[in-house]
């Protein structure tokens, strides 16, 4: 079973993702609401996949946090974002091992991306 952490500042959204992920057979091993919480969580837990929002509470956004994570280890990151800003989408495209889906999240698309991540 692949281990996933969720980095999302909205608790209710994070809970919804947890339910979807568990329904797809993933083990959610932690969640964080801010970049600082995420950094602390990543010191304790080594997930197979990270689900993350672009906009987080704390001193870093999701893109900055992803760059820091990938400087240390290569963990696939799926951004789930409501942002349609071309510069954000382009920045995600330049991050190796990252993909994004636009909110609201289509369950079939989520499953497709996560299954591709899980195969690696």
N, C-alpha and C. Protein backbone atom coordinates (compact mmCIF):
# COMPACT_ATOMS: atom_id res chain seq x y z
N UNK A 1 0.85 -1.18 0.00
CA UNK A 1 0.00 0.00 0.00
C UNK A 1 0.89 1.24 0.00
N UNK A 2 0.63 2.15 -0.92
CA UNK A 2 1.42 3.38 -1.02
C UNK A 2 1.01 4.37 0.06
N UNK A 3 2.02 5.00 0.67
CA UNK A 3 1.80 5.97 1.74
C UNK A 3 1.73 7.37 1.13
N UNK A 4 0.74 8.14 1.57
CA UNK A 4 0.49 9.48 1.06
C UNK A 4 0.39 10.46 2.22
N UNK A 5 0.92 11.67 2.02
CA UNK A 5 0.61 12.76 2.95
C UNK A 5 -0.13 13.84 2.17
N UNK A 6 -0.96 14.56 2.89
CA UNK A 6 -1.77 15.63 2.31
C UNK A 6 -1.31 16.94 2.92
N UNK A 7 -0.98 17.90 2.07
CA UNK A 7 -0.60 19.24 2.53
C UNK A 7 -1.64 20.20 1.96
N UNK A 8 -2.57 20.59 2.80
CA UNK A 8 -3.73 21.39 2.39
C UNK A 8 -4.17 22.23 3.58
N UNK A 9 -4.33 23.54 3.36
CA UNK A 9 -4.64 24.41 4.49
C UNK A 9 -6.11 24.39 4.91
N UNK A 10 -6.99 23.85 4.11
CA UNK A 10 -8.41 23.77 4.47
C UNK A 10 -8.72 22.37 4.99
N UNK A 11 -9.07 22.29 6.27
CA UNK A 11 -9.28 21.01 6.94
C UNK A 11 -10.35 20.16 6.27
N UNK A 12 -11.46 20.75 5.89
CA UNK A 12 -12.55 19.98 5.29
C UNK A 12 -12.15 19.42 3.93
N UNK A 13 -11.37 20.18 3.17
CA UNK A 13 -10.88 19.70 1.88
C UNK A 13 -9.90 18.55 2.09
N UNK A 14 -9.01 18.71 3.05
CA UNK A 14 -8.05 17.67 3.38
C UNK A 14 -8.76 16.38 3.76
N UNK A 15 -9.82 16.49 4.56
CA UNK A 15 -10.59 15.32 4.97
C UNK A 15 -11.23 14.63 3.77
N UNK A 16 -11.76 15.43 2.84
CA UNK A 16 -12.35 14.87 1.63
C UNK A 16 -11.33 14.11 0.80
N UNK A 17 -10.12 14.67 0.68
CA UNK A 17 -9.05 13.97 -0.03
C UNK A 17 -8.70 12.66 0.65
N UNK A 18 -8.64 12.71 1.98
CA UNK A 18 -8.32 11.49 2.75
C UNK A 18 -9.31 10.38 2.41
N UNK A 19 -10.59 10.72 2.41
CA UNK A 19 -11.62 9.72 2.11
C UNK A 19 -11.45 9.17 0.69
N UNK A 20 -11.20 10.05 -0.27
CA UNK A 20 -10.99 9.60 -1.65
C UNK A 20 -9.78 8.69 -1.76
N UNK A 21 -8.68 9.10 -1.16
CA UNK A 21 -7.44 8.33 -1.24
C UNK A 21 -7.58 6.96 -0.59
N UNK A 22 -8.19 6.94 0.59
CA UNK A 22 -8.39 5.66 1.27
C UNK A 22 -9.31 4.75 0.47
N UNK A 23 -10.31 5.35 -0.19
CA UNK A 23 -11.20 4.58 -1.05
C UNK A 23 -10.50 3.99 -2.26
N UNK A 24 -9.38 4.60 -2.66
CA UNK A 24 -8.59 4.10 -3.78
C UNK A 24 -7.50 3.14 -3.34
N UNK A 25 -7.42 2.88 -2.03
CA UNK A 25 -6.45 1.92 -1.52
C UNK A 25 -5.12 2.51 -1.09
N UNK A 26 -5.06 3.82 -0.92
CA UNK A 26 -3.83 4.46 -0.43
C UNK A 26 -3.92 4.63 1.07
N UNK A 27 -2.78 4.65 1.72
CA UNK A 27 -2.72 4.87 3.16
C UNK A 27 -2.29 6.32 3.42
N UNK A 28 -3.17 7.11 4.01
CA UNK A 28 -2.84 8.49 4.35
C UNK A 28 -2.12 8.46 5.70
N UNK A 29 -0.83 8.80 5.69
CA UNK A 29 -0.01 8.67 6.89
C UNK A 29 0.22 10.00 7.60
N UNK A 30 -0.38 11.06 7.10
CA UNK A 30 -0.25 12.35 7.78
C UNK A 30 -0.82 13.46 6.93
N UNK A 31 -1.06 14.59 7.59
CA UNK A 31 -1.51 15.78 6.88
C UNK A 31 -0.95 17.01 7.58
N UNK A 32 -0.84 18.08 6.80
CA UNK A 32 -0.31 19.34 7.32
C UNK A 32 -1.12 20.48 6.72
N UNK A 33 -1.22 21.58 7.50
CA UNK A 33 -1.99 22.74 7.04
C UNK A 33 -1.10 23.90 6.61
N UNK A 34 0.18 23.84 6.94
CA UNK A 34 1.09 24.94 6.60
C UNK A 34 2.40 24.36 6.11
N UNK A 35 3.21 25.23 5.53
CA UNK A 35 4.52 24.77 5.06
C UNK A 35 5.38 24.31 6.23
N UNK A 36 5.29 24.98 7.37
CA UNK A 36 6.08 24.59 8.53
C UNK A 36 5.64 23.21 9.06
N UNK A 37 4.33 22.99 9.14
CA UNK A 37 3.83 21.68 9.57
C UNK A 37 4.28 20.60 8.59
N UNK A 38 4.25 20.91 7.31
CA UNK A 38 4.66 19.95 6.28
C UNK A 38 6.13 19.58 6.43
N UNK A 39 6.97 20.57 6.67
CA UNK A 39 8.40 20.31 6.83
C UNK A 39 8.65 19.41 8.04
N UNK A 40 7.94 19.67 9.15
CA UNK A 40 8.09 18.85 10.34
C UNK A 40 7.58 17.42 10.08
N UNK A 41 6.46 17.31 9.40
CA UNK A 41 5.89 16.00 9.08
C UNK A 41 6.84 15.19 8.21
N UNK A 42 7.47 15.84 7.24
CA UNK A 42 8.39 15.14 6.34
C UNK A 42 9.67 14.69 7.05
N UNK A 43 9.96 15.24 8.21
CA UNK A 43 11.08 14.76 9.01
C UNK A 43 10.75 13.43 9.66
N UNK A 44 9.45 13.20 9.91
CA UNK A 44 8.99 11.99 10.60
C UNK A 44 8.51 10.90 9.65
N UNK A 45 7.86 11.30 8.58
CA UNK A 45 7.20 10.37 7.67
C UNK A 45 7.83 10.48 6.29
N UNK A 46 8.06 9.36 5.67
CA UNK A 46 8.62 9.35 4.31
C UNK A 46 7.59 8.74 3.37
N UNK A 47 6.74 9.62 2.78
CA UNK A 47 5.65 9.11 1.95
C UNK A 47 6.13 8.68 0.56
N UNK A 48 5.27 7.93 -0.09
CA UNK A 48 5.52 7.55 -1.48
C UNK A 48 5.01 8.63 -2.43
N UNK A 49 3.97 9.37 -2.00
CA UNK A 49 3.33 10.40 -2.81
C UNK A 49 2.91 11.54 -1.89
N UNK A 50 2.99 12.76 -2.41
CA UNK A 50 2.51 13.94 -1.68
C UNK A 50 1.39 14.58 -2.49
N UNK A 51 0.29 14.88 -1.80
CA UNK A 51 -0.83 15.65 -2.37
C UNK A 51 -0.71 17.03 -1.75
N UNK A 52 -0.66 18.09 -2.59
CA UNK A 52 -0.40 19.41 -2.03
C UNK A 52 -1.16 20.50 -2.79
N UNK A 53 -1.59 21.50 -2.04
CA UNK A 53 -2.19 22.70 -2.62
C UNK A 53 -1.06 23.67 -2.96
N UNK A 54 -1.31 24.59 -3.86
CA UNK A 54 -0.33 25.62 -4.21
C UNK A 54 -0.26 26.66 -3.09
N UNK A 55 -1.43 27.07 -2.62
CA UNK A 55 -1.49 28.13 -1.62
C UNK A 55 -1.60 27.51 -0.24
N UNK A 56 -0.58 27.76 0.58
CA UNK A 56 -0.52 27.20 1.93
C UNK A 56 -0.37 28.31 2.95
N UNK A 57 -0.74 28.02 4.16
CA UNK A 57 -0.41 28.92 5.26
C UNK A 57 1.07 28.75 5.55
N UNK A 58 1.69 29.78 6.09
CA UNK A 58 3.10 29.68 6.42
C UNK A 58 3.96 30.53 5.51
N UNK A 59 5.26 30.33 5.61
CA UNK A 59 6.18 31.20 4.91
C UNK A 59 6.51 30.75 3.49
N UNK A 60 6.00 29.59 3.06
CA UNK A 60 6.27 29.09 1.71
C UNK A 60 4.98 28.67 1.05
N UNK A 61 4.94 28.81 -0.28
CA UNK A 61 3.81 28.26 -1.01
C UNK A 61 4.17 26.84 -1.45
N UNK A 62 3.23 26.16 -2.07
CA UNK A 62 3.45 24.78 -2.48
C UNK A 62 4.59 24.60 -3.46
N UNK A 63 4.77 25.55 -4.37
CA UNK A 63 5.86 25.45 -5.35
C UNK A 63 7.22 25.52 -4.67
N UNK A 64 7.36 26.45 -3.73
CA UNK A 64 8.62 26.58 -3.01
C UNK A 64 8.90 25.34 -2.17
N UNK A 65 7.86 24.84 -1.53
CA UNK A 65 8.01 23.64 -0.70
C UNK A 65 8.39 22.43 -1.57
N UNK A 66 7.78 22.31 -2.74
CA UNK A 66 8.09 21.20 -3.65
C UNK A 66 9.56 21.26 -4.08
N UNK A 67 10.06 22.44 -4.36
CA UNK A 67 11.47 22.58 -4.75
C UNK A 67 12.38 22.12 -3.61
N UNK A 68 12.06 22.49 -2.40
CA UNK A 68 12.86 22.07 -1.24
C UNK A 68 12.80 20.55 -1.04
N UNK A 69 11.61 20.00 -1.19
CA UNK A 69 11.46 18.55 -1.04
C UNK A 69 12.30 17.83 -2.08
N UNK A 70 12.21 18.26 -3.32
CA UNK A 70 12.93 17.58 -4.40
C UNK A 70 14.44 17.81 -4.35
N UNK A 71 14.88 18.82 -3.63
CA UNK A 71 16.32 19.01 -3.44
C UNK A 71 16.89 17.92 -2.52
N UNK A 72 16.01 17.33 -1.70
CA UNK A 72 16.44 16.30 -0.74
C UNK A 72 16.13 14.89 -1.24
N UNK A 73 14.95 14.71 -1.81
CA UNK A 73 14.54 13.40 -2.30
C UNK A 73 13.47 13.55 -3.37
N UNK A 74 13.35 12.53 -4.21
CA UNK A 74 12.43 12.56 -5.34
C UNK A 74 11.13 11.85 -4.97
N UNK A 75 10.16 12.63 -4.48
CA UNK A 75 8.85 12.10 -4.14
C UNK A 75 7.86 12.71 -5.13
N UNK A 76 7.04 11.90 -5.79
CA UNK A 76 6.04 12.47 -6.70
C UNK A 76 5.08 13.37 -5.94
N UNK A 77 4.79 14.51 -6.53
CA UNK A 77 3.89 15.48 -5.91
C UNK A 77 2.75 15.78 -6.87
N UNK A 78 1.53 15.64 -6.36
CA UNK A 78 0.35 15.99 -7.12
C UNK A 78 -0.24 17.26 -6.51
N UNK A 79 -0.20 18.34 -7.29
CA UNK A 79 -0.82 19.59 -6.84
C UNK A 79 -2.29 19.54 -7.19
N UNK A 80 -3.14 19.83 -6.22
CA UNK A 80 -4.57 19.98 -6.43
C UNK A 80 -4.86 21.45 -6.18
N UNK A 81 -5.20 22.18 -7.23
CA UNK A 81 -5.28 23.63 -7.11
C UNK A 81 -6.47 24.21 -7.86
N UNK A 82 -6.97 25.31 -7.35
CA UNK A 82 -8.02 26.06 -8.03
C UNK A 82 -7.41 27.13 -8.92
N UNK A 83 -6.11 27.30 -8.85
CA UNK A 83 -5.44 28.34 -9.63
C UNK A 83 -5.45 28.00 -11.11
N UNK A 84 -5.78 29.00 -11.90
CA UNK A 84 -5.72 28.85 -13.36
C UNK A 84 -4.69 29.82 -13.95
N UNK A 85 -3.89 30.42 -13.08
CA UNK A 85 -2.88 31.37 -13.54
C UNK A 85 -1.85 30.63 -14.39
N UNK A 86 -1.63 31.10 -15.63
CA UNK A 86 -0.68 30.43 -16.51
C UNK A 86 0.71 30.28 -15.91
N UNK A 87 1.17 31.27 -15.14
CA UNK A 87 2.51 31.19 -14.56
C UNK A 87 2.61 30.08 -13.51
N UNK A 88 1.51 29.82 -12.81
CA UNK A 88 1.49 28.74 -11.82
C UNK A 88 1.54 27.38 -12.53
N UNK A 89 0.69 27.22 -13.53
CA UNK A 89 0.64 25.96 -14.27
C UNK A 89 1.98 25.70 -14.97
N UNK A 90 2.57 26.74 -15.51
CA UNK A 90 3.88 26.59 -16.16
C UNK A 90 4.95 26.21 -15.14
N UNK A 91 4.92 26.82 -13.97
CA UNK A 91 5.91 26.51 -12.93
C UNK A 91 5.80 25.04 -12.50
N UNK A 92 4.59 24.54 -12.38
CA UNK A 92 4.40 23.13 -12.02
C UNK A 92 5.01 22.24 -13.11
N UNK A 93 4.81 22.63 -14.35
CA UNK A 93 5.34 21.86 -15.47
C UNK A 93 6.85 21.76 -15.48
N UNK A 94 7.52 22.72 -14.86
CA UNK A 94 8.99 22.72 -14.81
C UNK A 94 9.54 21.91 -13.63
N UNK A 95 8.67 21.47 -12.74
CA UNK A 95 9.10 20.68 -11.59
C UNK A 95 9.05 19.20 -11.94
N UNK A 96 10.18 18.55 -11.91
CA UNK A 96 10.24 17.12 -12.20
C UNK A 96 9.45 16.34 -11.15
N UNK A 97 8.70 15.35 -11.61
CA UNK A 97 7.96 14.49 -10.69
C UNK A 97 6.70 15.12 -10.15
N UNK A 98 6.25 16.21 -10.77
CA UNK A 98 5.05 16.89 -10.31
C UNK A 98 3.98 16.88 -11.40
N UNK A 99 2.75 16.89 -10.96
CA UNK A 99 1.60 16.95 -11.85
C UNK A 99 0.56 17.80 -11.12
N UNK A 100 -0.46 18.25 -11.84
CA UNK A 100 -1.52 18.99 -11.16
C UNK A 100 -2.87 18.61 -11.73
N UNK A 101 -3.87 18.78 -10.89
CA UNK A 101 -5.27 18.67 -11.27
C UNK A 101 -5.98 19.91 -10.76
N UNK A 102 -6.93 20.40 -11.54
CA UNK A 102 -7.69 21.58 -11.15
C UNK A 102 -8.87 21.20 -10.26
N UNK A 103 -9.08 22.02 -9.24
CA UNK A 103 -10.24 21.85 -8.37
C UNK A 103 -11.47 22.40 -9.10
N UNK A 104 -12.64 21.83 -8.95
CA UNK A 104 -12.93 20.64 -8.15
C UNK A 104 -12.33 19.40 -8.82
N UNK A 105 -11.93 18.46 -8.00
CA UNK A 105 -11.21 17.29 -8.47
C UNK A 105 -12.17 16.22 -8.97
N UNK A 106 -11.90 15.75 -10.17
CA UNK A 106 -12.63 14.64 -10.76
C UNK A 106 -12.02 13.34 -10.23
N UNK A 107 -12.82 12.50 -9.62
CA UNK A 107 -12.31 11.26 -9.00
C UNK A 107 -11.57 10.37 -9.99
N UNK A 108 -12.06 10.29 -11.22
CA UNK A 108 -11.39 9.44 -12.22
C UNK A 108 -10.01 9.99 -12.56
N UNK A 109 -9.89 11.30 -12.70
CA UNK A 109 -8.59 11.92 -12.99
C UNK A 109 -7.63 11.73 -11.83
N UNK A 110 -8.13 11.89 -10.61
CA UNK A 110 -7.31 11.68 -9.43
C UNK A 110 -6.78 10.26 -9.39
N UNK A 111 -7.66 9.31 -9.61
CA UNK A 111 -7.25 7.91 -9.60
C UNK A 111 -6.21 7.63 -10.69
N UNK A 112 -6.42 8.17 -11.88
CA UNK A 112 -5.50 7.93 -13.00
C UNK A 112 -4.09 8.43 -12.67
N UNK A 113 -3.98 9.65 -12.17
CA UNK A 113 -2.66 10.23 -11.86
C UNK A 113 -2.00 9.46 -10.71
N UNK A 114 -2.76 9.16 -9.68
CA UNK A 114 -2.18 8.46 -8.53
C UNK A 114 -1.74 7.05 -8.89
N UNK A 115 -2.46 6.38 -9.74
CA UNK A 115 -2.05 5.04 -10.16
C UNK A 115 -0.76 5.09 -10.97
N UNK A 116 -0.60 6.12 -11.79
CA UNK A 116 0.66 6.28 -12.52
C UNK A 116 1.81 6.55 -11.55
N UNK A 117 1.58 7.40 -10.55
CA UNK A 117 2.60 7.66 -9.53
C UNK A 117 2.94 6.38 -8.77
N UNK A 118 1.91 5.61 -8.44
CA UNK A 118 2.11 4.40 -7.63
C UNK A 118 2.91 3.33 -8.37
N UNK A 119 2.85 3.34 -9.68
CA UNK A 119 3.59 2.34 -10.47
C UNK A 119 5.08 2.60 -10.47
N UNK A 120 5.48 3.82 -10.17
CA UNK A 120 6.92 4.16 -10.18
C UNK A 120 7.58 3.86 -8.87
